[in-house]
Amino acid sequence: MSPVPPRILLLDIGMVLVGLNFQPLAERMKALAGVQPDELQTALTQGNLVRAFETGQISGRDFHAEVCRRLGSDIPWEEFLEAWYSIFDRPIIPDEMLGALAHSLPLWALSNTNKLHFDFMMRRFTFLRHFQGFVLSHEVGALKPDARIFLAALERIGAPAGDILFVDDQEANVQAARDLGIDAFQFDGLEKFAAELQSRGLTPCDRDAISG
């Protein structure tokens, strides 16, 4: 019996759609504020500062001001933004594949992110044009794997859990989706991604396009 394809494909952004590399951020902040990577990490994570930013509790300007205060350095706004945006690497899933998938079913994205990063991604990555909508932690007020962000996704998409296939690079997020009745699998490269889609009746492009 042939599998029934999902009606909606819901994709994580970081490390699924686009690579992330935090080394450039560490290097830029060292040049701007003279801080070592461990000092930067402490400044960003102490008191759940980044978590507050990614759940929309503080604005980008307030986040910048607090980072400067913690580092003891008055980093100009524009230079801070350049450093903050530098974590983004190249797209992982080819634009052609996303375009083919978008012709088969609606694409949505679900991401733990902050407004500065998301606005930058919308300007930088043209593949996001294939997506019908976005469910973002800074708008919802909850981070994966919290069930609330998945429930918000179901409400915003307007589809039952059984119609959705979710893909994320973190197993905890995959399991959280499954706990709500959403079919999900962990992203582990394009080959596995394509194979998982094919097993569910989706064939967006041939294997040569994936490997090439």
Protein backbone atom coordinates (compact mmCIF):
# COMPACT_ATOMS: atom_id res chain seq x y z
CA MET A 1 0.00 0.00 0.00
CA SER A 2 1.43 3.40 -1.01
CA PRO A 3 2.07 5.88 1.81
CA VAL A 4 -0.23 8.86 2.14
CA PRO A 5 1.97 11.94 1.71
CA PRO A 6 1.80 14.67 4.34
CA ARG A 7 -0.26 17.72 3.47
CA ILE A 8 2.11 20.25 5.09
CA LEU A 9 5.91 20.24 5.42
CA LEU A 10 7.19 22.11 8.50
CA LEU A 11 10.95 22.72 8.58
CA ASP A 12 13.37 24.04 11.18
CA ILE A 13 15.63 26.81 9.87
CA GLY A 14 19.02 26.59 11.64
CA MET A 15 21.03 23.51 10.63
CA VAL A 16 18.22 22.32 8.36
CA LEU A 17 17.68 25.13 5.87
CA VAL A 18 20.87 27.05 6.58
CA GLY A 19 24.12 26.26 8.34
CA LEU A 20 25.20 28.00 11.53
CA ASN A 21 28.78 28.79 12.53
CA PHE A 22 29.41 30.70 15.76
CA GLN A 23 33.16 31.12 15.26
CA PRO A 24 32.84 34.35 13.22
CA LEU A 25 30.71 35.87 15.99
CA ALA A 26 33.35 35.01 18.59
CA GLU A 27 36.11 36.47 16.42
CA ARG A 28 34.25 39.69 15.67
CA MET A 29 33.28 40.24 19.29
CA LYS A 30 36.86 39.66 20.36
CA ALA A 31 37.95 42.37 17.91
CA LEU A 32 35.19 44.74 19.01
CA ALA A 33 35.25 44.20 22.78
CA GLY A 34 38.46 42.29 23.54
CA VAL A 35 36.58 39.31 25.00
CA GLN A 36 37.45 35.63 24.78
CA PRO A 37 34.84 33.11 23.49
CA ASP A 38 34.08 31.79 26.98
CA GLU A 39 33.53 35.34 28.27
CA LEU A 40 31.17 36.04 25.38
CA GLN A 41 29.24 32.83 26.00
CA THR A 42 28.83 33.70 29.67
CA ALA A 43 27.63 37.20 28.82
CA LEU A 44 25.04 35.87 26.37
CA THR A 45 23.71 33.00 28.45
CA GLN A 46 23.88 34.26 32.05
CA GLY A 47 20.41 34.96 33.37
CA ASN A 48 18.93 33.45 30.17
CA LEU A 49 19.63 36.62 28.19
CA VAL A 50 19.50 35.00 24.75
CA ARG A 51 16.47 32.97 25.81
CA ALA A 52 14.70 36.20 26.78
CA PHE A 53 15.59 37.69 23.40
CA GLU A 54 14.44 34.62 21.48
CA THR A 55 11.12 34.52 23.30
CA GLY A 56 10.41 38.18 22.58
CA GLN A 57 10.76 39.41 26.15
CA ILE A 58 13.30 42.09 25.21
CA SER A 59 13.91 44.15 22.07
CA GLY A 60 16.97 44.08 19.86
CA ARG A 61 18.11 47.45 21.17
CA ASP A 62 17.72 46.32 24.78
CA PHE A 63 19.59 43.10 23.99
CA HIS A 64 22.45 45.08 22.45
CA ALA A 65 22.59 47.45 25.43
CA GLU A 66 22.70 44.59 27.92
CA VAL A 67 25.43 42.75 26.00
CA CYS A 68 27.49 45.95 25.94
CA ARG A 69 26.95 46.44 29.67
CA ARG A 70 28.00 42.88 30.48
CA LEU A 71 31.10 43.10 28.30
CA GLY A 72 32.00 46.56 29.54
CA SER A 73 32.29 47.83 25.99
CA ASP A 74 30.26 50.38 24.02
CA ILE A 75 29.94 48.47 20.73
CA PRO A 76 28.38 50.59 17.96
CA TRP A 77 24.96 49.29 16.88
CA GLU A 78 25.86 48.66 13.23
CA GLU A 79 29.06 46.83 14.13
CA PHE A 80 27.17 44.75 16.67
CA LEU A 81 24.64 43.80 14.01
CA GLU A 82 27.37 42.70 11.60
CA ALA A 83 28.80 40.46 14.29
CA TRP A 84 25.39 39.14 15.32
CA TYR A 85 24.50 38.24 11.73
CA SER A 86 27.83 36.51 11.07
CA ILE A 87 26.69 33.13 12.43
CA PHE A 88 24.83 32.32 9.22
CA ASP A 89 26.57 30.04 6.76
CA ARG A 90 25.43 28.67 3.41
CA PRO A 91 22.01 27.17 2.66
CA ILE A 92 21.82 23.42 3.25
CA ILE A 93 18.77 22.37 1.23
CA PRO A 94 19.10 23.53 -2.39
CA ASP A 95 16.73 26.21 -3.61
CA GLU A 96 15.65 23.90 -6.45
CA MET A 97 14.60 21.19 -4.02
CA LEU A 98 12.60 23.62 -1.91
CA GLY A 99 10.95 24.99 -5.03
CA ALA A 100 9.98 21.50 -6.15
CA LEU A 101 8.61 20.68 -2.70
CA ALA A 102 6.63 23.93 -2.65
CA HIS A 103 4.89 22.79 -5.82
CA SER A 104 3.86 19.58 -4.07
CA LEU A 105 2.64 20.92 -0.74
CA PRO A 106 2.74 24.08 1.42
CA LEU A 107 6.04 24.76 3.19
CA TRP A 108 6.16 26.33 6.65
CA ALA A 109 9.12 27.04 8.93
CA LEU A 110 9.32 26.69 12.71
CA SER A 111 12.32 28.28 14.40
CA ASN A 112 13.85 29.27 17.71
CA THR A 113 15.12 32.69 16.68
CA ASN A 114 15.14 36.38 17.51
CA LYS A 115 13.77 39.25 15.47
CA LEU A 116 17.20 40.56 14.42
CA HIS A 117 18.24 37.18 13.05
CA PHE A 118 14.94 36.48 11.35
CA ASP A 119 14.77 39.89 9.66
CA PHE A 120 18.32 39.37 8.41
CA MET A 121 17.47 35.90 7.06
CA MET A 122 14.48 37.30 5.18
CA ARG A 123 16.79 39.81 3.49
CA ARG A 124 19.67 37.40 2.90
CA PHE A 125 18.17 34.06 1.89
CA THR A 126 15.96 34.04 -1.20
CA PHE A 127 14.92 30.41 -0.62
CA LEU A 128 12.55 31.65 2.08
CA ARG A 129 10.25 32.86 -0.70
CA HIS A 130 9.07 29.26 -1.05
CA PHE A 131 7.50 29.31 2.43
CA GLN A 132 3.88 30.18 3.07
CA GLY A 133 4.46 31.17 6.67
CA PHE A 134 6.74 31.16 9.70
CA VAL A 135 6.20 30.21 13.33
CA LEU A 136 8.88 31.98 15.36
CA SER A 137 9.80 31.70 19.02
CA HIS A 138 10.16 35.45 19.50
CA GLU A 139 6.57 35.92 18.29
CA VAL A 140 5.06 32.92 20.08
CA GLY A 141 6.92 33.44 23.38
CA ALA A 142 8.08 29.82 23.62
CA LEU A 143 11.08 27.83 22.43
CA LYS A 144 11.22 24.31 21.04
CA PRO A 145 10.84 21.72 22.50
CA ASP A 146 8.09 23.47 24.49
CA ALA A 147 4.74 22.10 23.30
CA ARG A 148 3.34 25.64 23.14
CA ILE A 149 5.29 26.54 20.01
CA PHE A 150 4.07 23.40 18.24
CA LEU A 151 0.49 24.12 19.28
CA ALA A 152 0.90 27.65 17.96
CA ALA A 153 2.13 26.17 14.67
CA LEU A 154 -0.93 23.92 14.39
CA GLU A 155 -3.21 26.88 15.01
CA ARG A 156 -1.40 29.20 12.60
CA ILE A 157 -1.18 26.62 9.83
CA GLY A 158 -4.78 25.59 10.37
CA ALA A 159 -4.21 21.88 9.94
CA PRO A 160 -4.46 18.85 12.26
CA ALA A 161 -1.28 17.27 13.59
CA GLY A 162 -1.74 14.21 11.40
CA ASP A 163 -1.44 16.29 8.22
CA ILE A 164 2.00 17.68 9.09
CA LEU A 165 5.54 16.39 8.66
CA PHE A 166 8.13 18.19 10.81
CA VAL A 167 11.92 18.10 10.28
CA ASP A 168 14.45 19.36 12.85
CA ASP A 169 18.14 18.71 13.57
CA GLN A 170 17.51 18.18 17.31
CA GLU A 171 16.05 14.88 18.50
CA ALA A 172 14.36 16.54 21.49
CA ASN A 173 12.38 18.76 19.14
CA VAL A 174 11.48 15.83 16.92
CA GLN A 175 10.18 13.90 19.93
CA ALA A 176 8.19 16.90 21.17
CA ALA A 177 6.42 17.06 17.81
CA ARG A 178 5.73 13.34 17.84
CA ASP A 179 4.24 13.63 21.33
CA LEU A 180 1.57 15.87 19.80
CA GLY A 181 0.81 13.47 16.96
CA ILE A 182 2.97 15.21 14.34
CA ASP A 183 5.02 12.93 12.10
CA ALA A 184 8.66 14.01 12.43
CA PHE A 185 12.22 12.95 11.73
CA GLN A 186 15.69 14.28 12.57
CA PHE A 187 17.61 16.01 9.80
CA ASP A 188 20.96 14.36 9.12
CA GLY A 189 22.01 15.52 5.66
CA LEU A 190 20.35 15.76 2.26
CA GLU A 191 20.52 12.06 1.43
CA LYS A 192 18.59 11.05 4.53
CA PHE A 193 16.23 13.99 4.09
CA ALA A 194 15.36 12.88 0.55
CA ALA A 195 15.00 9.24 1.62
CA GLU A 196 12.65 10.15 4.48
CA LEU A 197 10.53 12.25 2.15
CA GLN A 198 10.42 9.48 -0.44
CA SER A 199 9.32 6.96 2.20
CA ARG A 200 6.33 9.23 2.81
CA GLY A 201 5.43 9.55 -0.85
CA LEU A 202 7.23 12.82 -1.61
CA THR A 203 9.77 12.90 -4.45
CA PRO A 204 10.81 16.53 -4.97
CA CYS A 205 13.76 15.83 -7.28
CA ASP A 206 16.08 13.09 -8.45
CA ARG A 207 19.07 11.86 -6.45
CA ASP A 208 21.57 13.35 -8.88
CA ALA A 209 20.25 16.83 -8.07
CA ILE A 210 20.66 16.11 -4.36
CA SER A 211 24.23 14.84 -4.57
CA GLY A 212 25.27 17.46 -7.12
